[in-house]
Amino acid sequence: SKISLTYQRPNSNGRTVFGGLVPYGEVWRTGANN
């Protein structure tokens, strides 16, 4: 069989990602946009 993924790929651009741009303890879309 097969597994497929479609996702959007944000850049950190010097930002703190986890605990900053992506808050801890909150549901995240696991990427950007959709």
PDB file of all heavy atoms in Angstrom:
ATOM      1  N   SER A   1       0.842  -1.199   0.000  1.00  0.00           N
ATOM      2  CA  SER A   1       0.000   0.000   0.000  1.00  0.00           C
ATOM      3  C   SER A   1       0.875   1.247   0.000  1.00  0.00           C
ATOM      4  O   SER A   1       2.077   1.183  -0.246  1.00  0.00           O
ATOM      5  CB  SER A   1      -0.948  -0.009   1.207  1.00  0.00           C
ATOM      6  OG  SER A   1      -0.204  -0.025   2.411  1.00  0.00           O
ATOM      7  N   LYS A   2       0.282   2.393   0.299  1.00  0.00           N
ATOM      8  CA  LYS A   2       0.998   3.665   0.213  1.00  0.00           C
ATOM      9  C   LYS A   2       0.453   4.656   1.237  1.00  0.00           C
ATOM     10  O   LYS A   2      -0.723   4.640   1.577  1.00  0.00           O
ATOM     11  CB  LYS A   2       0.829   4.238  -1.209  1.00  0.00           C
ATOM     12  CG  LYS A   2       1.593   5.523  -1.477  1.00  0.00           C
ATOM     13  CD  LYS A   2       1.468   5.928  -2.941  1.00  0.00           C
ATOM     14  CE  LYS A   2       0.076   6.358  -3.297  1.00  0.00           C
ATOM     15  NZ  LYS A   2      -0.015   6.908  -4.665  1.00  0.00           N
ATOM     16  N   ILE A   3       1.353   5.522   1.727  1.00  0.00           N
ATOM     17  CA  ILE A   3       0.969   6.641   2.594  1.00  0.00           C
ATOM     18  C   ILE A   3       1.329   7.934   1.871  1.00  0.00           C
ATOM     19  O   ILE A   3       2.423   8.051   1.312  1.00  0.00           O
ATOM     20  CB  ILE A   3       1.698   6.581   3.950  1.00  0.00           C
ATOM     21  CG1 ILE A   3       1.282   5.334   4.719  1.00  0.00           C
ATOM     22  CG2 ILE A   3       1.386   7.823   4.778  1.00  0.00           C
ATOM     23  CD1 ILE A   3       1.991   5.185   6.045  1.00  0.00           C
ATOM     24  N   SER A   4       0.423   8.911   1.863  1.00  0.00           N
ATOM     25  CA  SER A   4       0.653  10.188   1.192  1.00  0.00           C
ATOM     26  C   SER A   4       0.407  11.348   2.153  1.00  0.00           C
ATOM     27  O   SER A   4      -0.427  11.250   3.055  1.00  0.00           O
ATOM     28  CB  SER A   4      -0.261  10.339  -0.027  1.00  0.00           C
ATOM     29  OG  SER A   4      -0.100   9.267  -0.924  1.00  0.00           O
ATOM     30  N   LEU A   5       1.143  12.426   1.929  1.00  0.00           N
ATOM     31  CA  LEU A   5       1.015  13.630   2.755  1.00  0.00           C
ATOM     32  C   LEU A   5       0.941  14.859   1.871  1.00  0.00           C
ATOM     33  O   LEU A   5       1.668  14.965   0.875  1.00  0.00           O
ATOM     34  CB  LEU A   5       2.222  13.782   3.670  1.00  0.00           C
ATOM     35  CG  LEU A   5       2.244  13.017   4.994  1.00  0.00           C
ATOM     36  CD1 LEU A   5       3.669  12.945   5.518  1.00  0.00           C
ATOM     37  CD2 LEU A   5       1.340  13.675   6.009  1.00  0.00           C
ATOM     38  N   THR A   6       0.096  15.806   2.237  1.00  0.00           N
ATOM     39  CA  THR A   6       0.072  17.126   1.617  1.00  0.00           C
ATOM     40  C   THR A   6       0.138  18.152   2.744  1.00  0.00           C
ATOM     41  O   THR A   6      -0.706  18.147   3.649  1.00  0.00           O
ATOM     42  CB  THR A   6      -1.213  17.346   0.799  1.00  0.00           C
ATOM     43  OG1 THR A   6      -1.291  16.347  -0.231  1.00  0.00           O
ATOM     44  CG2 THR A   6      -1.208  18.718   0.139  1.00  0.00           C
ATOM     45  N   TYR A   7       1.171  19.011   2.706  1.00  0.00           N
ATOM     46  CA  TYR A   7       1.327  19.981   3.779  1.00  0.00           C
ATOM     47  C   TYR A   7       2.091  21.209   3.305  1.00  0.00           C
ATOM     48  O   TYR A   7       2.758  21.176   2.262  1.00  0.00           O
ATOM     49  CB  TYR A   7       2.028  19.342   4.980  1.00  0.00           C
ATOM     50  CG  TYR A   7       3.496  19.041   4.790  1.00  0.00           C
ATOM     51  CD1 TYR A   7       4.477  19.796   5.430  1.00  0.00           C
ATOM     52  CD2 TYR A   7       3.927  17.981   3.986  1.00  0.00           C
ATOM     53  CE1 TYR A   7       5.832  19.516   5.278  1.00  0.00           C
ATOM     54  CE2 TYR A   7       5.273  17.684   3.826  1.00  0.00           C
ATOM     55  CZ  TYR A   7       6.222  18.453   4.473  1.00  0.00           C
ATOM     56  OH  TYR A   7       7.553  18.173   4.312  1.00  0.00           O
ATOM     57  N   GLN A   8       1.965  22.287   4.064  1.00  0.00           N
ATOM     58  CA  GLN A   8       2.682  23.521   3.769  1.00  0.00           C
ATOM     59  C   GLN A   8       3.867  23.662   4.718  1.00  0.00           C
ATOM     60  O   GLN A   8       3.756  23.324   5.893  1.00  0.00           O
ATOM     61  CB  GLN A   8       1.760  24.742   3.896  1.00  0.00           C
ATOM     62  CG  GLN A   8       0.907  24.995   2.660  1.00  0.00           C
ATOM     63  CD  GLN A   8      -0.234  23.995   2.521  1.00  0.00           C
ATOM     64  OE1 GLN A   8      -0.946  23.743   3.477  1.00  0.00           O
ATOM     65  NE2 GLN A   8      -0.403  23.430   1.338  1.00  0.00           N
ATOM     66  N   ARG A   9       4.985  24.215   4.184  1.00  0.00           N
ATOM     67  CA  ARG A   9       6.256  24.196   4.902  1.00  0.00           C
ATOM     68  C   ARG A   9       6.734  25.610   5.265  1.00  0.00           C
ATOM     69  O   ARG A   9       7.430  26.262   4.482  1.00  0.00           O
ATOM     70  CB  ARG A   9       7.306  23.485   4.053  1.00  0.00           C
ATOM     71  CG  ARG A   9       6.875  22.112   3.562  1.00  0.00           C
ATOM     72  CD  ARG A   9       7.993  21.475   2.762  1.00  0.00           C
ATOM     73  NE  ARG A   9       9.177  21.246   3.605  1.00  0.00           N
ATOM     74  CZ  ARG A   9      10.387  20.989   3.115  1.00  0.00           C
ATOM     75  NH1 ARG A   9      10.577  20.953   1.806  1.00  0.00           N
ATOM     76  NH2 ARG A   9      11.404  20.800   3.935  1.00  0.00           N
ATOM     77  N   PRO A  10       6.395  26.085   6.447  1.00  0.00           N
ATOM     78  CA  PRO A  10       6.874  27.409   6.867  1.00  0.00           C
ATOM     79  C   PRO A  10       8.357  27.378   7.233  1.00  0.00           C
ATOM     80  O   PRO A  10       8.910  26.319   7.564  1.00  0.00           O
ATOM     81  CB  PRO A  10       6.014  27.714   8.098  1.00  0.00           C
ATOM     82  CG  PRO A  10       5.660  26.361   8.637  1.00  0.00           C
ATOM     83  CD  PRO A  10       5.517  25.464   7.452  1.00  0.00           C
ATOM     84  N   ASN A  11       8.999  28.537   7.172  1.00  0.00           N
ATOM     85  CA  ASN A  11      10.386  28.707   7.612  1.00  0.00           C
ATOM     86  C   ASN A  11      10.406  29.381   8.978  1.00  0.00           C
ATOM     87  O   ASN A  11       9.495  30.138   9.330  1.00  0.00           O
ATOM     88  CB  ASN A  11      11.170  29.558   6.614  1.00  0.00           C
ATOM     89  CG  ASN A  11      11.376  28.841   5.294  1.00  0.00           C
ATOM     90  OD1 ASN A  11      11.596  27.633   5.256  1.00  0.00           O
ATOM     91  ND2 ASN A  11      11.300  29.579   4.208  1.00  0.00           N
ATOM     92  N   SER A  12      11.462  29.139   9.736  1.00  0.00           N
ATOM     93  CA  SER A  12      11.553  29.771  11.053  1.00  0.00           C
ATOM     94  C   SER A  12      11.952  31.242  10.943  1.00  0.00           C
ATOM     95  O   SER A  12      11.522  32.074  11.740  1.00  0.00           O
ATOM     96  CB  SER A  12      12.553  29.022  11.937  1.00  0.00           C
ATOM     97  OG  SER A  12      13.839  29.011  11.352  1.00  0.00           O
ATOM     98  N   ASN A  13      12.777  31.582   9.931  1.00  0.00           N
ATOM     99  CA  ASN A  13      13.169  32.993   9.699  1.00  0.00           C
ATOM    100  C   ASN A  13      13.681  33.680  10.964  1.00  0.00           C
ATOM    101  O   ASN A  13      13.335  34.828  11.260  1.00  0.00           O
ATOM    102  CB  ASN A  13      11.988  33.786   9.112  1.00  0.00           C
ATOM    103  CG  ASN A  13      11.652  33.352   7.702  1.00  0.00           C
ATOM    104  OD1 ASN A  13      12.546  33.018   6.920  1.00  0.00           O
ATOM    105  ND2 ASN A  13      10.365  33.318   7.368  1.00  0.00           N
ATOM    106  N   GLY A  14      14.484  32.965  11.726  1.00  0.00           N
ATOM    107  CA  GLY A  14      15.085  33.556  12.919  1.00  0.00           C
ATOM    108  C   GLY A  14      14.185  33.613  14.132  1.00  0.00           C
ATOM    109  O   GLY A  14      14.590  34.089  15.191  1.00  0.00           O
ATOM    110  N   ARG A  15      12.956  33.120  14.003  1.00  0.00           N
ATOM    111  CA  ARG A  15      12.018  33.175  15.121  1.00  0.00           C
ATOM    112  C   ARG A  15      12.147  31.944  16.015  1.00  0.00           C
ATOM    113  O   ARG A  15      12.576  30.879  15.569  1.00  0.00           O
ATOM    114  CB  ARG A  15      10.579  33.258  14.585  1.00  0.00           C
ATOM    115  CG  ARG A  15      10.292  34.486  13.737  1.00  0.00           C
ATOM    116  CD  ARG A  15       8.938  34.386  13.045  1.00  0.00           C
ATOM    117  NE  ARG A  15       8.939  33.370  11.996  1.00  0.00           N
ATOM    118  CZ  ARG A  15       7.899  33.123  11.189  1.00  0.00           C
ATOM    119  NH1 ARG A  15       6.786  33.834  11.335  1.00  0.00           N
ATOM    120  NH2 ARG A  15       7.980  32.190  10.255  1.00  0.00           N
ATOM    121  N   THR A  16      11.759  32.082  17.261  1.00  0.00           N
ATOM    122  CA  THR A  16      11.626  30.920  18.134  1.00  0.00           C
ATOM    123  C   THR A  16      10.348  30.208  17.728  1.00  0.00           C
ATOM    124  O   THR A  16       9.268  30.801  17.728  1.00  0.00           O
ATOM    125  CB  THR A  16      11.539  31.339  19.614  1.00  0.00           C
ATOM    126  OG1 THR A  16      12.757  31.982  19.971  1.00  0.00           O
ATOM    127  CG2 THR A  16      11.319  30.127  20.508  1.00  0.00           C
ATOM    128  N   VAL A  17      10.458  28.947  17.356  1.00  0.00           N
ATOM    129  CA  VAL A  17       9.291  28.233  16.820  1.00  0.00           C
ATOM    130  C   VAL A  17       8.435  27.662  17.945  1.00  0.00           C
ATOM    131  O   VAL A  17       7.344  28.159  18.243  1.00  0.00           O
ATOM    132  CB  VAL A  17       9.735  27.130  15.836  1.00  0.00           C
ATOM    133  CG1 VAL A  17       8.513  26.327  15.371  1.00  0.00           C
ATOM    134  CG2 VAL A  17      10.439  27.736  14.633  1.00  0.00           C
ATOM    135  N   PHE A  18       8.927  26.616  18.604  1.00  0.00           N
ATOM    136  CA  PHE A  18       8.101  25.950  19.604  1.00  0.00           C
ATOM    137  C   PHE A  18       8.184  26.681  20.942  1.00  0.00           C
ATOM    138  O   PHE A  18       9.258  26.939  21.472  1.00  0.00           O
ATOM    139  CB  PHE A  18       8.520  24.481  19.731  1.00  0.00           C
ATOM    140  CG  PHE A  18       8.329  23.729  18.440  1.00  0.00           C
ATOM    141  CD1 PHE A  18       9.411  23.210  17.748  1.00  0.00           C
ATOM    142  CD2 PHE A  18       7.060  23.577  17.901  1.00  0.00           C
ATOM    143  CE1 PHE A  18       9.241  22.539  16.551  1.00  0.00           C
ATOM    144  CE2 PHE A  18       6.870  22.910  16.702  1.00  0.00           C
ATOM    145  CZ  PHE A  18       7.969  22.384  16.022  1.00  0.00           C
ATOM    146  N   GLY A  19       7.017  27.028  21.430  1.00  0.00           N
ATOM    147  CA  GLY A  19       6.937  27.877  22.607  1.00  0.00           C
ATOM    148  C   GLY A  19       6.904  29.349  22.247  1.00  0.00           C
ATOM    149  O   GLY A  19       6.818  30.209  23.128  1.00  0.00           O
ATOM    150  N   GLY A  20       6.945  29.650  20.943  1.00  0.00           N
ATOM    151  CA  GLY A  20       6.884  31.031  20.475  1.00  0.00           C
ATOM    152  C   GLY A  20       5.886  31.133  19.335  1.00  0.00           C
ATOM    153  O   GLY A  20       4.691  31.339  19.551  1.00  0.00           O
ATOM    154  N   LEU A  21       6.386  30.982  18.100  1.00  0.00           N
ATOM    155  CA  LEU A  21       5.513  30.995  16.927  1.00  0.00           C
ATOM    156  C   LEU A  21       4.424  29.927  17.028  1.00  0.00           C
ATOM    157  O   LEU A  21       3.262  30.165  16.697  1.00  0.00           O
ATOM    158  CB  LEU A  21       6.366  30.775  15.674  1.00  0.00           C
ATOM    159  CG  LEU A  21       5.640  30.684  14.328  1.00  0.00           C
ATOM    160  CD1 LEU A  21       4.957  32.004  14.001  1.00  0.00           C
ATOM    161  CD2 LEU A  21       6.623  30.296  13.224  1.00  0.00           C
ATOM    162  N   VAL A  22       4.812  28.755  17.483  1.00  0.00           N
ATOM    163  CA  VAL A  22       3.860  27.656  17.714  1.00  0.00           C
ATOM    164  C   VAL A  22       3.764  27.444  19.229  1.00  0.00           C
ATOM    165  O   VAL A  22       4.693  26.910  19.840  1.00  0.00           O
ATOM    166  CB  VAL A  22       4.329  26.356  17.028  1.00  0.00           C
ATOM    167  CG1 VAL A  22       3.349  25.221  17.308  1.00  0.00           C
ATOM    168  CG2 VAL A  22       4.487  26.562  15.524  1.00  0.00           C
ATOM    169  N   PRO A  23       2.681  27.888  19.869  1.00  0.00           N
ATOM    170  CA  PRO A  23       2.587  27.805  21.334  1.00  0.00           C
ATOM    171  C   PRO A  23       2.540  26.367  21.837  1.00  0.00           C
ATOM    172  O   PRO A  23       2.034  25.465  21.166  1.00  0.00           O
ATOM    173  CB  PRO A  23       1.259  28.518  21.637  1.00  0.00           C
ATOM    174  CG  PRO A  23       0.957  29.323  20.410  1.00  0.00           C
ATOM    175  CD  PRO A  23       1.521  28.549  19.262  1.00  0.00           C
ATOM    176  N   TYR A  24       3.080  26.164  23.015  1.00  0.00           N
ATOM    177  CA  TYR A  24       2.940  24.873  23.671  1.00  0.00           C
ATOM    178  C   TYR A  24       1.510  24.705  24.171  1.00  0.00           C
ATOM    179  O   TYR A  24       0.837  25.660  24.549  1.00  0.00           O
ATOM    180  CB  TYR A  24       3.890  24.767  24.868  1.00  0.00           C
ATOM    181  CG  TYR A  24       5.345  24.625  24.501  1.00  0.00           C
ATOM    182  CD1 TYR A  24       6.313  25.459  25.075  1.00  0.00           C
ATOM    183  CD2 TYR A  24       5.767  23.646  23.594  1.00  0.00           C
ATOM    184  CE1 TYR A  24       7.657  25.322  24.752  1.00  0.00           C
ATOM    185  CE2 TYR A  24       7.118  23.513  23.264  1.00  0.00           C
ATOM    186  CZ  TYR A  24       8.054  24.353  23.844  1.00  0.00           C
ATOM    187  OH  TYR A  24       9.373  24.223  23.524  1.00  0.00           O
ATOM    188  N   GLY A  25       1.053  23.454  24.157  1.00  0.00           N
ATOM    189  CA  GLY A  25      -0.239  23.135  24.756  1.00  0.00           C
ATOM    190  C   GLY A  25      -1.453  23.491  23.925  1.00  0.00           C
ATOM    191  O   GLY A  25      -2.577  23.370  24.407  1.00  0.00           O
ATOM    192  N   GLU A  26      -1.241  23.921  22.685  1.00  0.00           N
ATOM    193  CA  GLU A  26      -2.374  24.272  21.813  1.00  0.00           C
ATOM    194  C   GLU A  26      -2.355  23.421  20.546  1.00  0.00           C
ATOM    195  O   GLU A  26      -1.283  23.033  20.068  1.00  0.00           O
ATOM    196  CB  GLU A  26      -2.316  25.757  21.437  1.00  0.00           C
ATOM    197  CG  GLU A  26      -2.471  26.698  22.614  1.00  0.00           C
ATOM    198  CD  GLU A  26      -2.478  28.162  22.187  1.00  0.00           C
ATOM    199  OE1 GLU A  26      -2.600  28.429  20.964  1.00  0.00           O
ATOM    200  OE2 GLU A  26      -2.348  29.032  23.070  1.00  0.00           O
ATOM    201  N   VAL A  27      -3.543  23.170  20.010  1.00  0.00           N
ATOM    202  CA  VAL A  27      -3.642  22.385  18.772  1.00  0.00           C
ATOM    203  C   VAL A  27      -3.017  23.155  17.619  1.00  0.00           C
ATOM    204  O   VAL A  27      -3.333  24.335  17.400  1.00  0.00           O
ATOM    205  CB  VAL A  27      -5.117  22.050  18.449  1.00  0.00           C
ATOM    206  CG1 VAL A  27      -5.220  21.335  17.106  1.00  0.00           C
ATOM    207  CG2 VAL A  27      -5.718  21.174  19.547  1.00  0.00           C
ATOM    208  N   TRP A  28      -2.135  22.505  16.899  1.00  0.00           N
ATOM    209  CA  TRP A  28      -1.414  23.109  15.768  1.00  0.00           C
ATOM    210  C   TRP A  28      -1.766  22.378  14.485  1.00  0.00           C
ATOM    211  O   TRP A  28      -1.921  21.158  14.466  1.00  0.00           O
ATOM    212  CB  TRP A  28       0.095  23.023  16.042  1.00  0.00           C
ATOM    213  CG  TRP A  28       0.986  23.591  14.971  1.00  0.00           C
ATOM    214  CD1 TRP A  28       0.813  24.725  14.262  1.00  0.00           C
ATOM    215  CD2 TRP A  28       2.216  23.014  14.503  1.00  0.00           C
ATOM    216  NE1 TRP A  28       1.841  24.918  13.379  1.00  0.00           N
ATOM    217  CE2 TRP A  28       2.737  23.876  13.507  1.00  0.00           C
ATOM    218  CE3 TRP A  28       2.931  21.864  14.829  1.00  0.00           C
ATOM    219  CZ2 TRP A  28       3.930  23.609  12.833  1.00  0.00           C
ATOM    220  CZ3 TRP A  28       4.121  21.609  14.165  1.00  0.00           C
ATOM    221  CH2 TRP A  28       4.611  22.485  13.176  1.00  0.00           C
ATOM    222  N   ARG A  29      -1.852  23.119  13.416  1.00  0.00           N
ATOM    223  CA  ARG A  29      -2.193  22.543  12.111  1.00  0.00           C
ATOM    224  C   ARG A  29      -1.085  21.641  11.550  1.00  0.00           C
ATOM    225  O   ARG A  29      -1.255  20.991  10.535  1.00  0.00           O
ATOM    226  CB  ARG A  29      -2.513  23.659  11.119  1.00  0.00           C
ATOM    227  CG  ARG A  29      -1.288  24.476  10.718  1.00  0.00           C
ATOM    228  CD  ARG A  29      -1.655  25.683   9.859  1.00  0.00           C
ATOM    229  NE  ARG A  29      -1.998  26.833  10.668  1.00  0.00           N
ATOM    230  CZ  ARG A  29      -2.487  27.984  10.178  1.00  0.00           C
ATOM    231  NH1 ARG A  29      -2.681  28.109   8.875  1.00  0.00           N
ATOM    232  NH2 ARG A  29      -2.772  28.983  10.972  1.00  0.00           N
ATOM    233  N   THR A  30       0.074  21.645  12.192  1.00  0.00           N
ATOM    234  CA  THR A  30       1.236  20.845  11.782  1.00  0.00           C
ATOM    235  C   THR A  30       1.754  21.308  10.425  1.00  0.00           C
ATOM    236  O   THR A  30       1.914  20.520   9.491  1.00  0.00           O
ATOM    237  CB  THR A  30       0.923  19.332  11.790  1.00  0.00           C
ATOM    238  OG1 THR A  30       0.134  19.020  12.941  1.00  0.00           O
ATOM    239  CG2 THR A  30       2.193  18.513  11.839  1.00  0.00           C
ATOM    240  N   GLY A  31       2.010  22.585  10.332  1.00  0.00           N
ATOM    241  CA  GLY A  31       2.485  23.203   9.108  1.00  0.00           C
ATOM    242  C   GLY A  31       1.941  24.613   9.038  1.00  0.00           C
ATOM    243  O   GLY A  31       1.785  25.282  10.062  1.00  0.00           O
ATOM    244  N   ALA A  32       1.630  25.052   7.829  1.00  0.00           N
ATOM    245  CA  ALA A  32       1.049  26.384   7.633  1.00  0.00           C
ATOM    246  C   ALA A  32      -0.186  26.267   6.755  1.00  0.00           C
ATOM    247  O   ALA A  32      -0.421  25.241   6.116  1.00  0.00           O
ATOM    248  CB  ALA A  32       2.077  27.308   6.977  1.00  0.00           C
ATOM    249  N   ASN A  33      -0.975  27.349   6.744  1.00  0.00           N
ATOM    250  CA  ASN A  33      -2.163  27.425   5.875  1.00  0.00           C
ATOM    251  C   ASN A  33      -3.128  26.280   6.158  1.00  0.00           C
ATOM    252  O   ASN A  33      -3.617  26.152   7.260  1.00  0.00           O
ATOM    253  CB  ASN A  33      -1.744  27.480   4.403  1.00  0.00           C
ATOM    254  CG  ASN A  33      -0.831  28.651   4.117  1.00  0.00           C
ATOM    255  OD1 ASN A  33      -0.967  29.721   4.701  1.00  0.00           O
ATOM    256  ND2 ASN A  33       0.135  28.444   3.233  1.00  0.00           N
ATOM    257  N   ASN A  34      -3.426  25.434   5.149  1.00  0.00           N
ATOM    258  CA  ASN A  34      -4.337  24.310   5.370  1.00  0.00           C
ATOM    259  C   ASN A  34      -3.731  23.323   6.363  1.00  0.00           C
ATOM    260  O   ASN A  34      -2.517  23.181   6.443  1.00  0.00           O
ATOM    261  CB  ASN A  34      -4.616  23.570   4.057  1.00  0.00           C
ATOM    262  CG  ASN A  34      -5.382  24.422   3.075  1.00  0.00           C
ATOM    263  OD1 ASN A  34      -6.315  25.114   3.444  1.00  0.00           O
ATOM    264  ND2 ASN A  34      -4.983  24.372   1.816  1.00  0.00           N
TER     265      ASN A  34
END
